[in-house]
mmCIF file of all heavy atoms, coordinates in Angstrom:
data_MODEL
# 
_entry.id   MODEL 
# 
loop_
_atom_site.group_PDB 
_atom_site.id 
_atom_site.type_symbol 
_atom_site.label_atom_id 
_atom_site.label_alt_id 
_atom_site.label_comp_id 
_atom_site.label_asym_id 
_atom_site.label_entity_id 
_atom_site.label_seq_id 
_atom_site.pdbx_PDB_ins_code 
_atom_site.Cartn_x 
_atom_site.Cartn_y 
_atom_site.Cartn_z 
_atom_site.occupancy 
_atom_site.B_iso_or_equiv 
_atom_site.pdbx_formal_charge 
_atom_site.auth_seq_id 
_atom_site.auth_comp_id 
_atom_site.auth_asym_id 
_atom_site.auth_atom_id 
_atom_site.pdbx_PDB_model_num 
ATOM 1   N N   . LEU A 1 1  ? 3.554  79.648 1.226   1.00 0.00 ? 1  LEU A N   1 
ATOM 2   C CA  . LEU A 1 1  ? 4.769  79.354 0.481   1.00 0.00 ? 1  LEU A CA  1 
ATOM 3   C C   . LEU A 1 1  ? 4.777  80.203 -0.773  1.00 0.00 ? 1  LEU A C   1 
ATOM 4   O O   . LEU A 1 1  ? 3.712  80.566 -1.294  1.00 0.00 ? 1  LEU A O   1 
ATOM 5   C CB  . LEU A 1 1  ? 4.834  77.877 0.066   1.00 0.00 ? 1  LEU A CB  1 
ATOM 6   C CG  . LEU A 1 1  ? 5.244  76.830 1.094   1.00 0.00 ? 1  LEU A CG  1 
ATOM 7   C CD1 . LEU A 1 1  ? 5.118  75.434 0.485   1.00 0.00 ? 1  LEU A CD1 1 
ATOM 8   C CD2 . LEU A 1 1  ? 6.664  77.072 1.585   1.00 0.00 ? 1  LEU A CD2 1 
ATOM 9   N N   . ARG A 1 2  ? 5.971  80.486 -1.256  1.00 0.00 ? 2  ARG A N   1 
ATOM 10  C CA  . ARG A 1 2  ? 6.122  81.204 -2.523  1.00 0.00 ? 2  ARG A CA  1 
ATOM 11  C C   . ARG A 1 2  ? 6.973  80.352 -3.454  1.00 0.00 ? 2  ARG A C   1 
ATOM 12  O O   . ARG A 1 2  ? 8.147  80.103 -3.166  1.00 0.00 ? 2  ARG A O   1 
ATOM 13  C CB  . ARG A 1 2  ? 6.761  82.560 -2.327  1.00 0.00 ? 2  ARG A CB  1 
ATOM 14  C CG  . ARG A 1 2  ? 6.817  83.414 -3.597  1.00 0.00 ? 2  ARG A CG  1 
ATOM 15  C CD  . ARG A 1 2  ? 7.577  84.675 -3.347  1.00 0.00 ? 2  ARG A CD  1 
ATOM 16  N NE  . ARG A 1 2  ? 7.462  85.638 -4.431  1.00 0.00 ? 2  ARG A NE  1 
ATOM 17  C CZ  . ARG A 1 2  ? 8.484  86.295 -4.945  1.00 0.00 ? 2  ARG A CZ  1 
ATOM 18  N NH1 . ARG A 1 2  ? 9.702  86.091 -4.486  1.00 0.00 ? 2  ARG A NH1 1 
ATOM 19  N NH2 . ARG A 1 2  ? 8.296  87.172 -5.925  1.00 0.00 ? 2  ARG A NH2 1 
ATOM 20  N N   . LEU A 1 3  ? 6.361  79.925 -4.534  1.00 0.00 ? 3  LEU A N   1 
ATOM 21  C CA  . LEU A 1 3  ? 7.079  79.145 -5.533  1.00 0.00 ? 3  LEU A CA  1 
ATOM 22  C C   . LEU A 1 3  ? 7.658  80.077 -6.589  1.00 0.00 ? 3  LEU A C   1 
ATOM 23  O O   . LEU A 1 3  ? 7.052  81.087 -6.929  1.00 0.00 ? 3  LEU A O   1 
ATOM 24  C CB  . LEU A 1 3  ? 6.150  78.137 -6.203  1.00 0.00 ? 3  LEU A CB  1 
ATOM 25  C CG  . LEU A 1 3  ? 5.400  77.179 -5.294  1.00 0.00 ? 3  LEU A CG  1 
ATOM 26  C CD1 . LEU A 1 3  ? 4.596  76.194 -6.139  1.00 0.00 ? 3  LEU A CD1 1 
ATOM 27  C CD2 . LEU A 1 3  ? 6.343  76.450 -4.358  1.00 0.00 ? 3  LEU A CD2 1 
ATOM 28  N N   . SER A 1 4  ? 8.820  79.684 -7.107  1.00 0.00 ? 4  SER A N   1 
ATOM 29  C CA  . SER A 1 4  ? 9.462  80.427 -8.186  1.00 0.00 ? 4  SER A CA  1 
ATOM 30  C C   . SER A 1 4  ? 9.756  79.486 -9.344  1.00 0.00 ? 4  SER A C   1 
ATOM 31  O O   . SER A 1 4  ? 9.994  78.295 -9.138  1.00 0.00 ? 4  SER A O   1 
ATOM 32  C CB  . SER A 1 4  ? 10.777 81.040 -7.705  1.00 0.00 ? 4  SER A CB  1 
ATOM 33  O OG  . SER A 1 4  ? 10.578 81.931 -6.638  1.00 0.00 ? 4  SER A OG  1 
ATOM 34  N N   . CYS A 1 5  ? 9.727  80.037 -10.533 1.00 0.00 ? 5  CYS A N   1 
ATOM 35  C CA  . CYS A 1 5  ? 10.096 79.283 -11.724 1.00 0.00 ? 5  CYS A CA  1 
ATOM 36  C C   . CYS A 1 5  ? 11.011 80.170 -12.560 1.00 0.00 ? 5  CYS A C   1 
ATOM 37  O O   . CYS A 1 5  ? 10.580 81.227 -13.032 1.00 0.00 ? 5  CYS A O   1 
ATOM 38  C CB  . CYS A 1 5  ? 8.860  78.896 -12.513 1.00 0.00 ? 5  CYS A CB  1 
ATOM 39  S SG  . CYS A 1 5  ? 9.198  78.163 -14.135 1.00 0.00 ? 5  CYS A SG  1 
ATOM 40  N N   . ALA A 1 6  ? 12.243 79.736 -12.706 1.00 0.00 ? 6  ALA A N   1 
ATOM 41  C CA  . ALA A 1 6  ? 13.226 80.477 -13.496 1.00 0.00 ? 6  ALA A CA  1 
ATOM 42  C C   . ALA A 1 6  ? 13.317 79.873 -14.884 1.00 0.00 ? 6  ALA A C   1 
ATOM 43  O O   . ALA A 1 6  ? 13.545 78.671 -15.020 1.00 0.00 ? 6  ALA A O   1 
ATOM 44  C CB  . ALA A 1 6  ? 14.581 80.435 -12.808 1.00 0.00 ? 6  ALA A CB  1 
ATOM 45  N N   . ALA A 1 7  ? 13.132 80.702 -15.888 1.00 0.00 ? 7  ALA A N   1 
ATOM 46  C CA  . ALA A 1 7  ? 13.134 80.230 -17.276 1.00 0.00 ? 7  ALA A CA  1 
ATOM 47  C C   . ALA A 1 7  ? 14.410 80.655 -17.982 1.00 0.00 ? 7  ALA A C   1 
ATOM 48  O O   . ALA A 1 7  ? 14.943 81.743 -17.735 1.00 0.00 ? 7  ALA A O   1 
ATOM 49  C CB  . ALA A 1 7  ? 11.927 80.782 -18.019 1.00 0.00 ? 7  ALA A CB  1 
ATOM 50  N N   . SER A 1 8  ? 14.878 79.795 -18.881 1.00 0.00 ? 8  SER A N   1 
ATOM 51  C CA  . SER A 1 8  ? 16.012 80.121 -19.740 1.00 0.00 ? 8  SER A CA  1 
ATOM 52  C C   . SER A 1 8  ? 15.798 79.452 -21.084 1.00 0.00 ? 8  SER A C   1 
ATOM 53  O O   . SER A 1 8  ? 15.064 78.469 -21.204 1.00 0.00 ? 8  SER A O   1 
ATOM 54  C CB  . SER A 1 8  ? 17.329 79.677 -19.108 1.00 0.00 ? 8  SER A CB  1 
ATOM 55  O OG  . SER A 1 8  ? 17.331 78.279 -18.894 1.00 0.00 ? 8  SER A OG  1 
ATOM 56  N N   . GLY A 1 9  ? 16.435 80.033 -22.096 1.00 0.00 ? 9  GLY A N   1 
ATOM 57  C CA  . GLY A 1 9  ? 16.325 79.454 -23.434 1.00 0.00 ? 9  GLY A CA  1 
ATOM 58  C C   . GLY A 1 9  ? 15.094 79.879 -24.210 1.00 0.00 ? 9  GLY A C   1 
ATOM 59  O O   . GLY A 1 9  ? 14.844 79.353 -25.303 1.00 0.00 ? 9  GLY A O   1 
ATOM 60  N N   . ILE A 1 10 ? 14.306 80.797 -23.649 1.00 0.00 ? 10 ILE A N   1 
ATOM 61  C CA  . ILE A 1 10 ? 13.134 81.318 -24.347 1.00 0.00 ? 10 ILE A CA  1 
ATOM 62  C C   . ILE A 1 10 ? 13.118 82.838 -24.228 1.00 0.00 ? 10 ILE A C   1 
ATOM 63  O O   . ILE A 1 10 ? 13.765 83.400 -23.334 1.00 0.00 ? 10 ILE A O   1 
ATOM 64  C CB  . ILE A 1 10 ? 11.801 80.767 -23.780 1.00 0.00 ? 10 ILE A CB  1 
ATOM 65  C CG1 . ILE A 1 10 ? 11.654 81.108 -22.284 1.00 0.00 ? 10 ILE A CG1 1 
ATOM 66  C CG2 . ILE A 1 10 ? 11.683 79.274 -24.031 1.00 0.00 ? 10 ILE A CG2 1 
ATOM 67  C CD1 . ILE A 1 10 ? 10.291 80.750 -21.705 1.00 0.00 ? 10 ILE A CD1 1 
ATOM 68  N N   . ILE A 1 11 ? 12.365 83.464 -25.137 1.00 0.00 ? 11 ILE A N   1 
ATOM 69  C CA  . ILE A 1 11 ? 12.131 84.909 -25.004 1.00 0.00 ? 11 ILE A CA  1 
ATOM 70  C C   . ILE A 1 11 ? 10.975 85.038 -24.016 1.00 0.00 ? 11 ILE A C   1 
ATOM 71  O O   . ILE A 1 11 ? 9.797  85.030 -24.386 1.00 0.00 ? 11 ILE A O   1 
ATOM 72  C CB  . ILE A 1 11 ? 11.799 85.539 -26.361 1.00 0.00 ? 11 ILE A CB  1 
ATOM 73  C CG1 . ILE A 1 11 ? 12.928 85.259 -27.357 1.00 0.00 ? 11 ILE A CG1 1 
ATOM 74  C CG2 . ILE A 1 11 ? 11.590 87.046 -26.197 1.00 0.00 ? 11 ILE A CG2 1 
ATOM 75  C CD1 . ILE A 1 11 ? 12.619 85.697 -28.776 1.00 0.00 ? 11 ILE A CD1 1 
ATOM 76  N N   . PHE A 1 12 ? 11.312 85.132 -22.763 1.00 0.00 ? 12 PHE A N   1 
ATOM 77  C CA  . PHE A 1 12 ? 10.340 84.985 -21.683 1.00 0.00 ? 12 PHE A CA  1 
ATOM 78  C C   . PHE A 1 12 ? 9.151  85.919 -21.828 1.00 0.00 ? 12 PHE A C   1 
ATOM 79  O O   . PHE A 1 12 ? 8.008  85.518 -21.597 1.00 0.00 ? 12 PHE A O   1 
ATOM 80  C CB  . PHE A 1 12 ? 11.036 85.223 -20.345 1.00 0.00 ? 12 PHE A CB  1 
ATOM 81  C CG  . PHE A 1 12 ? 10.155 85.037 -19.155 1.00 0.00 ? 12 PHE A CG  1 
ATOM 82  C CD1 . PHE A 1 12 ? 9.914  83.769 -18.653 1.00 0.00 ? 12 PHE A CD1 1 
ATOM 83  C CD2 . PHE A 1 12 ? 9.558  86.133 -18.532 1.00 0.00 ? 12 PHE A CD2 1 
ATOM 84  C CE1 . PHE A 1 12 ? 9.091  83.585 -17.549 1.00 0.00 ? 12 PHE A CE1 1 
ATOM 85  C CE2 . PHE A 1 12 ? 8.736  85.965 -17.438 1.00 0.00 ? 12 PHE A CE2 1 
ATOM 86  C CZ  . PHE A 1 12 ? 8.505  84.686 -16.940 1.00 0.00 ? 12 PHE A CZ  1 
ATOM 87  N N   . SER A 1 13 ? 9.392  87.153 -22.231 1.00 0.00 ? 13 SER A N   1 
ATOM 88  C CA  . SER A 1 13 ? 8.331  88.160 -22.198 1.00 0.00 ? 13 SER A CA  1 
ATOM 89  C C   . SER A 1 13 ? 7.168  87.846 -23.135 1.00 0.00 ? 13 SER A C   1 
ATOM 90  O O   . SER A 1 13 ? 6.064  88.364 -22.933 1.00 0.00 ? 13 SER A O   1 
ATOM 91  C CB  . SER A 1 13 ? 8.907  89.532 -22.525 1.00 0.00 ? 13 SER A CB  1 
ATOM 92  O OG  . SER A 1 13 ? 9.465  89.542 -23.827 1.00 0.00 ? 13 SER A OG  1 
ATOM 93  N N   . ILE A 1 14 ? 7.381  87.006 -24.143 1.00 0.00 ? 14 ILE A N   1 
ATOM 94  C CA  . ILE A 1 14 ? 6.300  86.734 -25.087 1.00 0.00 ? 14 ILE A CA  1 
ATOM 95  C C   . ILE A 1 14 ? 5.522  85.473 -24.724 1.00 0.00 ? 14 ILE A C   1 
ATOM 96  O O   . ILE A 1 14 ? 4.518  85.161 -25.361 1.00 0.00 ? 14 ILE A O   1 
ATOM 97  C CB  . ILE A 1 14 ? 6.813  86.624 -26.537 1.00 0.00 ? 14 ILE A CB  1 
ATOM 98  C CG1 . ILE A 1 14 ? 7.699  85.388 -26.726 1.00 0.00 ? 14 ILE A CG1 1 
ATOM 99  C CG2 . ILE A 1 14 ? 7.535  87.891 -26.941 1.00 0.00 ? 14 ILE A CG2 1 
ATOM 100 C CD1 . ILE A 1 14 ? 8.084  85.148 -28.184 1.00 0.00 ? 14 ILE A CD1 1 
ATOM 101 N N   . TYR A 1 15 ? 5.987  84.753 -23.708 1.00 0.00 ? 15 TYR A N   1 
ATOM 102 C CA  . TYR A 1 15 ? 5.349  83.506 -23.313 1.00 0.00 ? 15 TYR A CA  1 
ATOM 103 C C   . TYR A 1 15 ? 4.269  83.741 -22.268 1.00 0.00 ? 15 TYR A C   1 
ATOM 104 O O   . TYR A 1 15 ? 4.439  84.539 -21.346 1.00 0.00 ? 15 TYR A O   1 
ATOM 105 C CB  . TYR A 1 15 ? 6.383  82.526 -22.753 1.00 0.00 ? 15 TYR A CB  1 
ATOM 106 C CG  . TYR A 1 15 ? 7.079  81.721 -23.812 1.00 0.00 ? 15 TYR A CG  1 
ATOM 107 C CD1 . TYR A 1 15 ? 8.023  82.306 -24.642 1.00 0.00 ? 15 TYR A CD1 1 
ATOM 108 C CD2 . TYR A 1 15 ? 6.784  80.373 -23.984 1.00 0.00 ? 15 TYR A CD2 1 
ATOM 109 C CE1 . TYR A 1 15 ? 8.656  81.580 -25.626 1.00 0.00 ? 15 TYR A CE1 1 
ATOM 110 C CE2 . TYR A 1 15 ? 7.422  79.628 -24.968 1.00 0.00 ? 15 TYR A CE2 1 
ATOM 111 C CZ  . TYR A 1 15 ? 8.353  80.238 -25.785 1.00 0.00 ? 15 TYR A CZ  1 
ATOM 112 O OH  . TYR A 1 15 ? 8.977  79.498 -26.757 1.00 0.00 ? 15 TYR A OH  1 
ATOM 113 N N   . ASN A 1 16 ? 3.164  83.023 -22.427 1.00 0.00 ? 16 ASN A N   1 
ATOM 114 C CA  . ASN A 1 16 ? 2.198  82.891 -21.354 1.00 0.00 ? 16 ASN A CA  1 
ATOM 115 C C   . ASN A 1 16 ? 2.745  81.849 -20.378 1.00 0.00 ? 16 ASN A C   1 
ATOM 116 O O   . ASN A 1 16 ? 3.263  80.804 -20.808 1.00 0.00 ? 16 ASN A O   1 
ATOM 117 C CB  . ASN A 1 16 ? 0.839  82.442 -21.883 1.00 0.00 ? 16 ASN A CB  1 
ATOM 118 C CG  . ASN A 1 16 ? 0.243  83.433 -22.867 1.00 0.00 ? 16 ASN A CG  1 
ATOM 119 O OD1 . ASN A 1 16 ? 0.423  84.640 -22.717 1.00 0.00 ? 16 ASN A OD1 1 
ATOM 120 N ND2 . ASN A 1 16 ? -0.427 82.928 -23.880 1.00 0.00 ? 16 ASN A ND2 1 
ATOM 121 N N   . MET A 1 17 ? 2.618  82.120 -19.101 1.00 0.00 ? 17 MET A N   1 
ATOM 122 C CA  . MET A 1 17 ? 3.188  81.237 -18.088 1.00 0.00 ? 17 MET A CA  1 
ATOM 123 C C   . MET A 1 17 ? 2.100  80.712 -17.162 1.00 0.00 ? 17 MET A C   1 
ATOM 124 O O   . MET A 1 17 ? 1.014  81.313 -17.049 1.00 0.00 ? 17 MET A O   1 
ATOM 125 C CB  . MET A 1 17 ? 4.235  81.990 -17.258 1.00 0.00 ? 17 MET A CB  1 
ATOM 126 C CG  . MET A 1 17 ? 5.366  82.585 -18.071 1.00 0.00 ? 17 MET A CG  1 
ATOM 127 S SD  . MET A 1 17 ? 6.370  81.348 -18.913 1.00 0.00 ? 17 MET A SD  1 
ATOM 128 C CE  . MET A 1 17 ? 7.095  80.484 -17.505 1.00 0.00 ? 17 MET A CE  1 
ATOM 129 N N   . GLY A 1 18 ? 2.396  79.622 -16.498 1.00 0.00 ? 18 GLY A N   1 
ATOM 130 C CA  . GLY A 1 18 ? 1.385  79.095 -15.589 1.00 0.00 ? 18 GLY A CA  1 
ATOM 131 C C   . GLY A 1 18 ? 1.928  78.029 -14.665 1.00 0.00 ? 18 GLY A C   1 
ATOM 132 O O   . GLY A 1 18 ? 3.105  77.652 -14.749 1.00 0.00 ? 18 GLY A O   1 
ATOM 133 N N   . TRP A 1 19 ? 1.043  77.584 -13.793 1.00 0.00 ? 19 TRP A N   1 
ATOM 134 C CA  . TRP A 1 19 ? 1.353  76.525 -12.831 1.00 0.00 ? 19 TRP A CA  1 
ATOM 135 C C   . TRP A 1 19 ? 0.266  75.463 -12.884 1.00 0.00 ? 19 TRP A C   1 
ATOM 136 O O   . TRP A 1 19 ? -0.925 75.781 -12.860 1.00 0.00 ? 19 TRP A O   1 
ATOM 137 C CB  . TRP A 1 19 ? 1.424  77.088 -11.414 1.00 0.00 ? 19 TRP A CB  1 
ATOM 138 C CG  . TRP A 1 19 ? 2.572  77.996 -11.166 1.00 0.00 ? 19 TRP A CG  1 
ATOM 139 C CD1 . TRP A 1 19 ? 2.598  79.350 -11.317 1.00 0.00 ? 19 TRP A CD1 1 
ATOM 140 C CD2 . TRP A 1 19 ? 3.873  77.618 -10.712 1.00 0.00 ? 19 TRP A CD2 1 
ATOM 141 N NE1 . TRP A 1 19 ? 3.838  79.845 -10.992 1.00 0.00 ? 19 TRP A NE1 1 
ATOM 142 C CE2 . TRP A 1 19 ? 4.637  78.796 -10.613 1.00 0.00 ? 19 TRP A CE2 1 
ATOM 143 C CE3 . TRP A 1 19 ? 4.478  76.410 -10.370 1.00 0.00 ? 19 TRP A CE3 1 
ATOM 144 C CZ2 . TRP A 1 19 ? 5.969  78.801 -10.186 1.00 0.00 ? 19 TRP A CZ2 1 
ATOM 145 C CZ3 . TRP A 1 19 ? 5.796  76.408 -9.946  1.00 0.00 ? 19 TRP A CZ3 1 
ATOM 146 C CH2 . TRP A 1 19 ? 6.531  77.590 -9.858  1.00 0.00 ? 19 TRP A CH2 1 
ATOM 147 N N   . TYR A 1 20 ? 0.725  74.222 -12.970 1.00 0.00 ? 20 TYR A N   1 
ATOM 148 C CA  . TYR A 1 20 ? -0.137 73.054 -12.791 1.00 0.00 ? 20 TYR A CA  1 
ATOM 149 C C   . TYR A 1 20 ? 0.247  72.392 -11.474 1.00 0.00 ? 20 TYR A C   1 
ATOM 150 O O   . TYR A 1 20 ? 1.307  72.662 -10.917 1.00 0.00 ? 20 TYR A O   1 
ATOM 151 C CB  . TYR A 1 20 ? 0.084  72.046 -13.916 1.00 0.00 ? 20 TYR A CB  1 
ATOM 152 C CG  . TYR A 1 20 ? -0.739 72.247 -15.151 1.00 0.00 ? 20 TYR A CG  1 
ATOM 153 C CD1 . TYR A 1 20 ? -0.356 73.183 -16.110 1.00 0.00 ? 20 TYR A CD1 1 
ATOM 154 C CD2 . TYR A 1 20 ? -1.870 71.480 -15.385 1.00 0.00 ? 20 TYR A CD2 1 
ATOM 155 C CE1 . TYR A 1 20 ? -1.106 73.352 -17.270 1.00 0.00 ? 20 TYR A CE1 1 
ATOM 156 C CE2 . TYR A 1 20 ? -2.619 71.635 -16.544 1.00 0.00 ? 20 TYR A CE2 1 
ATOM 157 C CZ  . TYR A 1 20 ? -2.222 72.570 -17.483 1.00 0.00 ? 20 TYR A CZ  1 
ATOM 158 O OH  . TYR A 1 20 ? -2.967 72.724 -18.627 1.00 0.00 ? 20 TYR A OH  1 
ATOM 159 N N   . ARG A 1 21 ? -0.617 71.501 -11.007 1.00 0.00 ? 21 ARG A N   1 
ATOM 160 C CA  . ARG A 1 21 ? -0.241 70.648 -9.889  1.00 0.00 ? 21 ARG A CA  1 
ATOM 161 C C   . ARG A 1 21 ? -0.738 69.236 -10.129 1.00 0.00 ? 21 ARG A C   1 
ATOM 162 O O   . ARG A 1 21 ? -1.750 69.013 -10.787 1.00 0.00 ? 21 ARG A O   1 
ATOM 163 C CB  . ARG A 1 21 ? -0.762 71.192 -8.562  1.00 0.00 ? 21 ARG A CB  1 
ATOM 164 C CG  . ARG A 1 21 ? -2.265 71.244 -8.392  1.00 0.00 ? 21 ARG A CG  1 
ATOM 165 C CD  . ARG A 1 21 ? -2.598 71.950 -7.078  1.00 0.00 ? 21 ARG A CD  1 
ATOM 166 N NE  . ARG A 1 21 ? -4.042 72.032 -6.860  1.00 0.00 ? 21 ARG A NE  1 
ATOM 167 C CZ  . ARG A 1 21 ? -4.603 72.714 -5.862  1.00 0.00 ? 21 ARG A CZ  1 
ATOM 168 N NH1 . ARG A 1 21 ? -3.829 73.379 -4.980  1.00 0.00 ? 21 ARG A NH1 1 
ATOM 169 N NH2 . ARG A 1 21 ? -5.915 72.731 -5.725  1.00 0.00 ? 21 ARG A NH2 1 
ATOM 170 N N   . GLN A 1 22 ? 0.032  68.302 -9.565  1.00 0.00 ? 22 GLN A N   1 
ATOM 171 C CA  . GLN A 1 22 ? -0.281 66.886 -9.723  1.00 0.00 ? 22 GLN A CA  1 
ATOM 172 C C   . GLN A 1 22 ? -0.226 66.236 -8.354  1.00 0.00 ? 22 GLN A C   1 
ATOM 173 O O   . GLN A 1 22 ? 0.844  66.166 -7.737  1.00 0.00 ? 22 GLN A O   1 
ATOM 174 C CB  . GLN A 1 22 ? 0.746  66.227 -10.650 1.00 0.00 ? 22 GLN A CB  1 
ATOM 175 C CG  . GLN A 1 22 ? 0.559  64.737 -10.813 1.00 0.00 ? 22 GLN A CG  1 
ATOM 176 C CD  . GLN A 1 22 ? -0.494 64.399 -11.823 1.00 0.00 ? 22 GLN A CD  1 
ATOM 177 O OE1 . GLN A 1 22 ? -0.350 64.723 -12.996 1.00 0.00 ? 22 GLN A OE1 1 
ATOM 178 N NE2 . GLN A 1 22 ? -1.555 63.733 -11.390 1.00 0.00 ? 22 GLN A NE2 1 
ATOM 179 N N   . ALA A 1 23 ? -1.390 65.799 -7.885  1.00 0.00 ? 23 ALA A N   1 
ATOM 180 C CA  . ALA A 1 23 ? -1.442 65.095 -6.602  1.00 0.00 ? 23 ALA A CA  1 
ATOM 181 C C   . ALA A 1 23 ? -1.537 63.595 -6.870  1.00 0.00 ? 23 ALA A C   1 
ATOM 182 O O   . ALA A 1 23 ? -2.077 63.177 -7.906  1.00 0.00 ? 23 ALA A O   1 
ATOM 183 C CB  . ALA A 1 23 ? -2.647 65.571 -5.792  1.00 0.00 ? 23 ALA A CB  1 
ATOM 184 N N   . PRO A 1 24 ? -1.050 62.770 -5.965  1.00 0.00 ? 24 PRO A N   1 
ATOM 185 C CA  . PRO A 1 24 ? -1.109 61.310 -6.159  1.00 0.00 ? 24 PRO A CA  1 
ATOM 186 C C   . PRO A 1 24 ? -2.536 60.840 -6.381  1.00 0.00 ? 24 PRO A C   1 
ATOM 187 O O   . PRO A 1 24 ? -3.451 61.194 -5.628  1.00 0.00 ? 24 PRO A O   1 
ATOM 188 C CB  . PRO A 1 24 ? -0.540 60.764 -4.851  1.00 0.00 ? 24 PRO A CB  1 
ATOM 189 C CG  . PRO A 1 24 ? 0.308  61.854 -4.310  1.00 0.00 ? 24 PRO A CG  1 
ATOM 190 C CD  . PRO A 1 24 ? -0.360 63.122 -4.718  1.00 0.00 ? 24 PRO A CD  1 
ATOM 191 N N   . GLY A 1 25 ? -2.746 60.057 -7.436  1.00 0.00 ? 25 GLY A N   1 
ATOM 192 C CA  . GLY A 1 25 ? -4.051 59.493 -7.711  1.00 0.00 ? 25 GLY A CA  1 
ATOM 193 C C   . GLY A 1 25 ? -5.059 60.457 -8.297  1.00 0.00 ? 25 GLY A C   1 
ATOM 194 O O   . GLY A 1 25 ? -6.231 60.106 -8.476  1.00 0.00 ? 25 GLY A O   1 
ATOM 195 N N   . LYS A 1 26 ? -4.613 61.684 -8.594  1.00 0.00 ? 26 LYS A N   1 
ATOM 196 C CA  . LYS A 1 26 ? -5.531 62.682 -9.143  1.00 0.00 ? 26 LYS A CA  1 
ATOM 197 C C   . LYS A 1 26 ? -5.033 63.170 -10.502 1.00 0.00 ? 26 LYS A C   1 
ATOM 198 O O   . LYS A 1 26 ? -3.848 63.050 -10.824 1.00 0.00 ? 26 LYS A O   1 
ATOM 199 C CB  . LYS A 1 26 ? -5.662 63.875 -8.194  1.00 0.00 ? 26 LYS A CB  1 
ATOM 200 C CG  . LYS A 1 26 ? -6.343 63.549 -6.878  1.00 0.00 ? 26 LYS A CG  1 
ATOM 201 C CD  . LYS A 1 26 ? -6.575 64.815 -6.073  1.00 0.00 ? 26 LYS A CD  1 
ATOM 202 C CE  . LYS A 1 26 ? -7.300 64.520 -4.772  1.00 0.00 ? 26 LYS A CE  1 
ATOM 203 N NZ  . LYS A 1 26 ? -7.538 65.753 -3.978  1.00 0.00 ? 26 LYS A NZ  1 
# 
């Protein structure tokens, strides 16, 4: 799968970006 995250309202290029995940009970 390929996930995408579209950002708005920020100067995107200066931000560090990332992905978290949350599984049930973890």
